[in-house]
C-alpha cells in the first residue's frame, strides 16, 4: 500500500465520522435559529414555549435507556446511521409543526434521536482516533460546533428571505442526508459482542474509572450548560445592556468553544489528557471569576470567552478516555459518559435560575466555579490507559 493510499484510507473514515457530527450540529443550529418563527407557527407565548420545550427531556431519557442496552450488542455504525437518519427525518417535521401535539411529538423524537446518536458516533470517533494513534476527539467535536454555526447562519438567511422553517430544514436535511448516504460506507466499525456468554452484566460497565469520568462529565456539563443558557441573560438583564449585547456575549462564548476545539488536539498531544483536563477546568473557574468579580460589560465578554476556551474540550477528552478503558468496548465506555453528562445539562439552567431567584444572577454563577473546581480536583485521579 502506498503512502498516498494509506493517507486516503485514514482520511475517509475521519471525514465520514465528522460528517455525522455535522449532521447533529447542523440540525440543532438550524432549529435553534428558527425558534421564534416556530413558536409563532404553533401560537404559544414565551412561558408556554418554555414548558413545551422540556418535552425533549422525555426523549433524552428513553434514548439513554435504549442506548445503554443496545450499545455493544448492535453495530455502532448501524446505530449511528439509524439515529442520524431519524434526526434528519424529524427535523423538517419538527420545524413545520403548527400545533402543540405536533410540536411535543417532534421535540420528543428530537431528544430521543439526538441523544441516541451521541454515544455511537463518539464511539466511532474513538475508533478513528485509536486507528490513527493521535488525539482527534476535539476536532470531531469542532465539526459539531461548525455544524451548529452553519445551521444557525442558514436559519438566519432563511428567515431573512421568508423561507419557512419547515422548508429550510427539509432542504438542509436533504443535502446532509445525501452526503451521509454517499459517505456512510467509510464509517468505521466497532466489534460487537456475539452470543450471551460474551454479554457482561450492566453493572460491570461502571468501573471506578468510568464512574470518575462520568462525575467529571456531569460537573463539566453543568458548567457548560449554565454558561450557554445564562451568558446572554447575564448581559441583557443583569447588566441591563439589552438583547443585542446579550446575544453578542453568547456568541463570544460559542466562538471560543469552536476555536478551542479546533486547537484542542494539539494541546492534548503536548500536555496529556489528565493535565489538559485539569488546566481546562481551572480556566473555566478563572473565566467565571472574571465575570462575577465586577458587573461590567467588558468583563462579561472576556470572562465568558475564557469560559468557552476552558470548557470546550473537557467532554471530548473524557469521552476519549472512556472509550479506551481496558476490557471495556468503546461504545459501552462512552455510554457511561452519556449517562453522566445528560443530567448535568438538564439541571444547569434550573439550578442557576433557582439560585438567582434567592439571591441574584451574579452570585448564582458562582455555582460554575464550584462545579469546575470540583471536576478539576476529581481529574487528579484519572488513570491514563496505556494506549492513550
Protein backbone atom coordinates (compact mmCIF):
# COMPACT_ATOMS: atom_id res chain seq x y z
CA UNK A 1 0.00 0.00 0.00
CA UNK A 2 1.42 3.41 -0.99
CA UNK A 3 1.69 6.32 1.44
CA UNK A 4 -0.95 8.22 -0.54
CA UNK A 5 -3.36 5.27 -0.38
CA UNK A 6 -2.81 4.84 3.36
CA UNK A 7 -3.35 8.55 3.91
CA UNK A 8 -6.55 8.48 1.88
CA UNK A 9 -7.84 5.39 3.71
CA UNK A 10 -7.20 7.14 7.03
CA UNK A 11 -8.82 10.40 5.93
CA UNK A 12 -12.07 8.92 4.65
CA UNK A 13 -13.26 7.44 7.97
CA UNK A 14 -12.30 10.66 9.73
CA UNK A 15 -14.34 12.74 7.28
CA UNK A 16 -17.26 10.32 7.45
CA UNK A 17 -17.43 10.49 11.26
CA UNK A 18 -17.01 14.29 11.12
CA UNK A 19 -20.00 14.43 8.78
CA UNK A 20 -22.19 12.67 11.34
CA UNK A 21 -21.17 15.29 13.91
CA UNK A 22 -22.07 17.99 11.36
CA UNK A 23 -25.49 16.37 10.86
CA UNK A 24 -26.18 16.61 14.59
CA UNK A 25 -24.87 20.17 14.91
CA UNK A 26 -26.39 21.46 11.68
CA UNK A 27 -29.91 20.32 12.52
CA UNK A 28 -29.65 21.71 16.05
CA UNK A 29 -28.30 25.07 14.87
CA UNK A 30 -30.94 25.38 12.16
CA UNK A 31 -33.71 24.57 14.62
CA UNK A 32 -32.49 26.98 17.30
CA UNK A 33 -32.23 29.85 14.83
CA UNK A 34 -35.91 29.45 13.89
CA UNK A 35 -37.39 29.05 17.37
CA UNK A 36 -39.19 32.45 17.27
CA UNK A 37 -40.86 31.59 13.95
CA UNK A 38 -41.79 28.08 15.06
CA UNK A 39 -43.23 29.46 18.30
CA UNK A 40 -45.42 31.81 16.26
CA UNK A 41 -46.49 28.93 13.99
CA UNK A 42 -47.69 26.94 16.98
CA UNK A 43 -49.30 30.01 18.57
CA UNK A 44 -47.88 29.88 22.09
CA UNK A 45 -46.32 32.55 24.27
CA UNK A 46 -42.83 32.51 25.78
CA UNK A 47 -43.92 30.91 29.06
CA UNK A 48 -45.83 28.15 27.28
CA UNK A 49 -42.89 27.60 24.95
CA UNK A 50 -40.56 27.14 27.89
CA UNK A 51 -42.83 24.44 29.29
CA UNK A 52 -43.33 22.68 25.97
CA UNK A 53 -39.62 22.69 25.13
CA UNK A 54 -38.99 20.41 28.11
CA UNK A 55 -40.69 17.63 26.10
CA UNK A 56 -37.32 16.73 24.63
CA UNK A 57 -36.16 15.55 28.07
CA UNK A 58 -38.55 12.59 27.84
CA UNK A 59 -36.94 11.56 24.57
CA UNK A 60 -33.49 12.02 26.11
CA UNK A 61 -34.32 9.63 28.93
CA UNK A 62 -35.74 6.99 26.60
CA UNK A 63 -32.65 7.26 24.40
CA UNK A 64 -30.28 6.79 27.34
CA UNK A 65 -32.09 3.62 28.38
CA UNK A 66 -32.14 2.28 24.81
CA UNK A 67 -28.51 3.04 24.02
CA UNK A 68 -27.35 1.60 27.34
CA UNK A 69 -28.98 -1.69 26.39
CA UNK A 70 -28.08 -1.74 22.68
CA UNK A 71 -24.53 -0.40 22.66
CA UNK A 72 -22.04 -3.25 22.44
CA UNK A 73 -24.82 -5.57 21.21
CA UNK A 74 -25.59 -3.85 17.92
CA UNK A 75 -23.12 -2.39 15.42
CA UNK A 76 -22.13 1.16 16.38
CA UNK A 77 -22.03 2.01 12.70
CA UNK A 78 -25.63 0.82 12.26
CA UNK A 79 -26.77 2.65 15.40
CA UNK A 80 -25.12 5.88 14.19
CA UNK A 81 -26.72 5.68 10.75
CA UNK A 82 -30.18 4.85 12.15
CA UNK A 83 -30.07 7.69 14.67
CA UNK A 84 -28.70 10.19 12.11
CA UNK A 85 -31.48 9.23 9.69
CA UNK A 86 -34.09 9.81 12.40
CA UNK A 87 -32.54 13.21 13.23
CA UNK A 88 -32.74 14.26 9.58
CA UNK A 89 -36.26 12.93 9.01
CA UNK A 90 -37.62 14.52 12.18
CA UNK A 91 -36.04 17.96 11.65
CA UNK A 92 -38.44 19.27 8.94
CA UNK A 93 -41.44 17.72 10.71
CA UNK A 94 -40.49 19.46 13.96
CA UNK A 95 -39.72 22.77 12.25
CA UNK A 96 -43.01 22.64 10.36
CA UNK A 97 -45.14 21.98 13.46
CA UNK A 98 -48.21 24.20 13.62
CA UNK A 99 -49.99 22.69 16.62
CA UNK A 100 -48.97 21.81 20.17
CA UNK A 101 -49.31 17.99 19.79
CA UNK A 102 -47.07 18.01 16.70
CA UNK A 103 -44.51 20.18 18.48
CA UNK A 104 -44.43 17.94 21.55
CA UNK A 105 -44.06 14.82 19.41
CA UNK A 106 -41.32 16.44 17.33
CA UNK A 107 -39.39 17.62 20.38
CA UNK A 108 -39.65 14.18 22.00
CA UNK A 109 -38.35 12.48 18.87
CA UNK A 110 -35.59 15.10 18.60
CA UNK A 111 -34.46 14.40 22.15
CA UNK A 112 -34.53 10.67 21.53
CA UNK A 113 -32.69 10.73 18.19
CA UNK A 114 -30.04 13.32 19.11
CA UNK A 115 -29.18 11.74 22.46
CA UNK A 116 -29.24 8.27 20.92
CA UNK A 117 -26.80 9.41 18.22
CA UNK A 118 -24.29 10.92 20.65
CA UNK A 119 -22.99 7.61 22.05
CA UNK A 120 -22.35 5.59 18.87
CA UNK A 121 -20.86 8.50 16.91
CA UNK A 122 -18.46 9.22 19.76
CA UNK A 123 -17.57 5.52 19.85
CA UNK A 124 -16.79 5.70 16.13
CA UNK A 125 -14.66 8.78 16.79
CA UNK A 126 -12.70 6.79 19.38
CA UNK A 127 -12.19 4.03 16.80
CA UNK A 128 -10.75 6.51 14.27
CA UNK A 129 -8.56 8.12 16.92
CA UNK A 130 -7.16 4.75 18.01
CA UNK A 131 -6.51 3.70 14.42
CA UNK A 132 -4.60 6.91 13.67
CA UNK A 133 -2.89 6.84 17.08
CA UNK A 134 -3.20 10.56 17.84
CA UNK A 135 -5.70 12.86 19.56
CA UNK A 136 -8.61 13.69 17.26
CA UNK A 137 -11.65 13.91 19.55
CA UNK A 138 -11.65 17.70 19.97
CA UNK A 139 -11.57 18.04 16.18
CA UNK A 140 -14.63 15.82 15.83
CA UNK A 141 -16.50 17.97 18.32
CA UNK A 142 -15.33 21.04 16.38
CA UNK A 143 -17.23 19.55 13.43
CA UNK A 144 -20.34 19.57 15.58
CA UNK A 145 -19.71 23.22 16.54
CA UNK A 146 -19.21 24.13 12.87
CA UNK A 147 -22.50 22.43 12.11
CA UNK A 148 -24.28 24.47 14.79
CA UNK A 149 -22.87 27.74 13.45
CA UNK A 150 -23.61 26.80 9.83
CA UNK A 151 -27.14 25.72 10.70
CA UNK A 152 -27.71 28.94 12.60
CA UNK A 153 -26.40 31.00 9.70
CA UNK A 154 -28.65 29.17 7.23
CA UNK A 155 -31.59 29.67 9.56
CA UNK A 156 -30.87 33.38 9.74
CA UNK A 157 -30.64 33.58 5.93
CA UNK A 158 -33.88 31.62 5.53
CA UNK A 159 -35.68 33.90 7.98
CA UNK A 160 -34.41 37.00 6.14
CA UNK A 161 -35.62 35.67 2.78
CA UNK A 162 -39.01 34.49 4.02
CA UNK A 163 -38.38 30.74 3.75
CA UNK A 164 -40.45 28.82 6.29
CA UNK A 165 -38.69 26.75 8.97
CA UNK A 166 -40.12 23.50 7.62
CA UNK A 167 -38.86 24.14 4.09
CA UNK A 168 -35.48 25.29 5.37
CA UNK A 169 -34.98 22.13 7.43
CA UNK A 170 -36.25 19.91 4.61
CA UNK A 171 -33.61 21.35 2.27
CA UNK A 172 -30.78 21.04 4.80
CA UNK A 173 -31.86 17.51 5.76
CA UNK A 174 -31.92 16.52 2.10
CA UNK A 175 -28.41 17.83 1.47
CA UNK A 176 -26.96 16.33 4.65
CA UNK A 177 -28.78 13.05 4.03
CA UNK A 178 -27.35 12.76 0.52
CA UNK A 179 -23.83 13.42 1.83
CA UNK A 180 -24.28 10.89 4.61
CA UNK A 181 -25.53 8.27 2.18
CA UNK A 182 -22.53 8.83 -0.06
CA UNK A 183 -20.01 8.62 2.79
CA UNK A 184 -21.69 6.01 5.01
CA UNK A 185 -19.56 3.15 3.68
CA UNK A 186 -16.45 4.87 5.08
CA UNK A 187 -17.73 4.89 8.65
CA UNK A 188 -15.55 2.60 10.79
CA UNK A 189 -16.90 -0.36 12.71
CA UNK A 190 -16.52 -1.40 16.33
CA UNK A 191 -16.53 -5.06 17.27
CA UNK A 192 -19.85 -6.29 18.63
CA UNK A 193 -20.41 -8.88 21.33
CA UNK A 194 -21.78 -12.08 19.89
CA UNK A 195 -23.59 -14.61 22.00
CA UNK A 196 -24.94 -14.46 25.54
CA UNK A 197 -21.70 -15.72 27.02
CA UNK A 198 -19.94 -12.54 25.87
CA UNK A 199 -22.55 -10.17 27.25
CA UNK A 200 -21.42 -8.83 30.58
CA UNK A 201 -23.81 -7.70 33.31
CA UNK A 202 -24.60 -3.99 33.03
CA UNK A 203 -23.11 -3.23 36.45
CA UNK A 204 -19.67 -4.37 35.22
CA UNK A 205 -19.66 -1.42 32.84
CA UNK A 206 -19.44 1.03 35.73
CA UNK A 207 -15.79 0.62 36.63
CA UNK A 208 -14.24 3.04 39.14
CA UNK A 209 -12.51 4.98 36.35
CA UNK A 210 -15.68 5.26 34.26
CA UNK A 211 -17.67 6.42 37.28
CA UNK A 212 -14.96 9.03 37.92
CA UNK A 213 -15.08 10.19 34.30
CA UNK A 214 -18.91 10.29 34.42
CA UNK A 215 -18.74 12.50 37.52
CA UNK A 216 -16.33 14.86 35.75
CA UNK A 217 -18.65 14.86 32.73
CA UNK A 218 -21.60 15.75 34.97
CA UNK A 219 -19.79 18.69 36.57
CA UNK A 220 -18.37 19.93 33.25
CA UNK A 221 -21.78 19.63 31.57
CA UNK A 222 -23.32 21.61 34.41
CA UNK A 223 -20.81 24.42 33.86
CA UNK A 224 -21.19 24.35 30.07
CA UNK A 225 -24.98 24.18 30.18
CA UNK A 226 -25.24 27.01 32.69
CA UNK A 227 -22.85 29.24 30.75
CA UNK A 228 -24.65 28.63 27.46
CA UNK A 229 -28.09 29.32 28.96
CA UNK A 230 -27.24 32.26 31.21
CA UNK A 231 -24.42 34.16 29.48
CA UNK A 232 -26.78 36.20 27.31
CA UNK A 233 -29.25 36.71 30.17
CA UNK A 234 -26.46 37.99 32.43
CA UNK A 235 -25.51 40.72 29.96
CA UNK A 236 -29.00 41.54 28.72
CA UNK A 237 -30.85 41.57 32.05
CA UNK A 238 -28.43 41.69 34.98
CA UNK A 239 -26.12 44.24 33.33
CA UNK A 240 -29.12 45.82 31.57
CA UNK A 241 -27.25 46.06 28.27
CA UNK A 242 -30.08 44.80 26.05
CA UNK A 243 -30.77 41.73 23.95
CA UNK A 244 -28.26 42.51 21.18
CA UNK A 245 -25.26 42.67 23.53
CA UNK A 246 -26.64 39.65 25.37
CA UNK A 247 -26.58 37.70 22.11
CA UNK A 248 -23.06 39.01 21.47
CA UNK A 249 -21.92 37.60 24.82
CA UNK A 250 -23.26 34.15 23.92
CA UNK A 251 -21.59 34.46 20.51
CA UNK A 252 -18.22 35.14 22.20
CA UNK A 253 -18.74 32.01 24.28
CA UNK A 254 -19.72 29.89 21.26
CA UNK A 255 -16.88 31.09 19.01
CA UNK A 256 -14.39 30.47 21.82
CA UNK A 257 -15.63 26.87 22.06
CA UNK A 258 -15.14 26.36 18.32
CA UNK A 259 -11.62 27.85 18.36
CA UNK A 260 -10.63 25.74 21.37
CA UNK A 261 -11.92 22.56 19.75
CA UNK A 262 -10.05 23.28 16.54
CA UNK A 263 -6.81 23.61 18.52
CA UNK A 264 -7.53 21.23 21.38
CA UNK A 265 -5.99 18.06 19.95
CA UNK A 266 -2.61 19.76 19.65
CA UNK A 267 -2.63 20.70 23.33
CA UNK A 268 -3.78 17.21 24.33
CA UNK A 269 -0.83 15.74 22.41
CA UNK A 270 1.60 18.04 24.24
CA UNK A 271 0.15 18.03 27.75
CA UNK A 272 -1.51 14.64 28.07
CA UNK A 273 -5.21 14.27 28.75
CA UNK A 274 -5.14 14.38 32.56
CA UNK A 275 -3.21 17.65 32.81
CA UNK A 276 -5.15 19.07 29.88
CA UNK A 277 -8.49 18.36 31.60
CA UNK A 278 -7.27 19.89 34.87
CA UNK A 279 -5.97 23.06 33.22
CA UNK A 280 -9.15 23.37 31.14
CA UNK A 281 -11.38 23.20 34.22
CA UNK A 282 -9.23 25.70 36.10
CA UNK A 283 -9.58 28.00 33.07
CA UNK A 284 -13.36 27.74 33.39
CA UNK A 285 -13.16 28.75 37.06
CA UNK A 286 -10.93 31.69 36.12
CA UNK A 287 -13.35 32.84 33.43
CA UNK A 288 -16.38 32.77 35.73
CA UNK A 289 -14.38 34.60 38.40
CA UNK A 290 -13.70 37.38 35.87
CA UNK A 291 -17.44 37.59 35.09
CA UNK A 292 -18.61 37.82 38.72
CA UNK A 293 -15.69 39.91 40.03
CA UNK A 294 -17.38 43.14 38.96
CA UNK A 295 -20.57 43.75 36.93
CA UNK A 296 -19.17 45.26 33.73
CA UNK A 297 -19.78 44.54 30.03
CA UNK A 298 -16.08 44.14 29.04
CA UNK A 299 -15.57 41.65 31.87
CA UNK A 300 -18.64 39.70 30.74
CA UNK A 301 -17.28 39.44 27.19
CA UNK A 302 -13.79 38.44 28.35
CA UNK A 303 -14.98 36.14 31.11
CA UNK A 304 -17.43 34.09 29.05
CA UNK A 305 -14.87 33.87 26.24
CA UNK A 306 -12.39 32.37 28.72
CA UNK A 307 -15.11 30.01 29.99
CA UNK A 308 -15.71 28.83 26.41
CA UNK A 309 -12.00 28.25 25.83
CA UNK A 310 -11.78 26.21 29.01
CA UNK A 311 -14.92 24.10 28.79
CA UNK A 312 -14.78 23.27 25.08
CA UNK A 313 -12.60 20.16 25.20
CA UNK A 314 -13.32 18.71 28.64
CA UNK A 315 -16.12 16.42 27.48
CA UNK A 316 -14.26 15.32 24.32
CA UNK A 317 -11.27 14.39 26.50
CA UNK A 318 -13.47 12.48 28.96
CA UNK A 319 -15.17 10.65 26.09
CA UNK A 320 -11.84 9.70 24.53
CA UNK A 321 -10.63 8.31 27.87
CA UNK A 322 -13.88 6.43 28.45
CA UNK A 323 -13.63 4.84 25.01
CA UNK A 324 -10.15 3.48 25.77
CA UNK A 325 -10.76 1.79 29.11
CA UNK A 326 -9.12 -1.65 29.35
CA UNK A 327 -11.57 -4.50 28.87
CA UNK A 328 -14.50 -2.20 28.06
CA UNK A 329 -15.71 -1.74 24.45
CA UNK A 330 -15.57 1.88 23.33
CA UNK A 331 -19.34 2.20 22.96
CA UNK A 332 -20.01 0.91 26.46
CA UNK A 333 -17.45 3.27 27.95
CA UNK A 334 -18.88 6.25 26.09
CA UNK A 335 -22.42 5.31 27.19
CA UNK A 336 -21.38 5.81 30.83
CA UNK A 337 -20.26 9.35 29.98
CA UNK A 338 -23.62 9.97 28.30
CA UNK A 339 -25.39 8.87 31.48
CA UNK A 340 -23.22 11.27 33.49
CA UNK A 341 -23.39 14.34 31.30
CA UNK A 342 -27.12 14.37 30.49
CA UNK A 343 -28.37 15.37 33.97
CA UNK A 344 -25.62 18.00 34.15
CA UNK A 345 -27.01 19.82 31.11
CA UNK A 346 -30.59 19.24 32.28
CA UNK A 347 -30.10 20.63 35.78
CA UNK A 348 -27.78 23.53 34.93
CA UNK A 349 -30.37 26.05 33.79
CA UNK A 350 -32.96 25.45 36.53
CA UNK A 351 -30.32 25.22 39.30
CA UNK A 352 -28.73 28.56 38.44
CA UNK A 353 -32.17 30.06 37.96
CA UNK A 354 -33.25 28.87 41.41
CA UNK A 355 -30.10 30.30 43.00
CA UNK A 356 -30.61 33.56 41.11
CA UNK A 357 -34.16 33.74 42.46
CA UNK A 358 -32.98 33.52 46.05
CA UNK A 359 -30.06 35.95 45.61
CA UNK A 360 -29.27 37.33 42.15
CA UNK A 361 -27.73 36.01 38.94
CA UNK A 362 -24.22 37.26 39.64
CA UNK A 363 -23.61 35.23 42.82
CA UNK A 364 -25.61 32.34 41.35
CA UNK A 365 -22.97 31.99 38.62
CA UNK A 366 -20.56 31.10 41.42
CA UNK A 367 -22.01 27.58 41.14
CA UNK A 368 -19.97 27.25 37.92
CA UNK A 369 -16.79 27.98 39.85
CA UNK A 370 -17.67 25.29 42.39
CA UNK A 371 -18.51 22.68 39.73
CA UNK A 372 -15.40 23.33 37.63
CA UNK A 373 -13.04 23.29 40.64
CA UNK A 374 -14.64 20.08 41.92
CA UNK A 375 -14.18 18.47 38.50
CA UNK A 376 -10.55 19.64 38.38
CA UNK A 377 -9.98 18.03 41.77
CA UNK A 378 -11.52 14.75 40.60
CA UNK A 379 -9.34 14.83 37.48
CA UNK A 380 -6.29 14.23 39.69
CA UNK A 381 -7.36 10.58 39.94
CA UNK A 382 -7.71 9.98 36.19
CA UNK A 383 -5.65 6.97 35.12
CA UNK A 384 -4.45 7.24 31.53
CA UNK A 385 -4.82 3.95 29.60
CA UNK A 386 -1.56 2.66 28.17
CA UNK A 387 -2.63 3.15 24.55
CA UNK A 388 -3.57 6.82 25.15
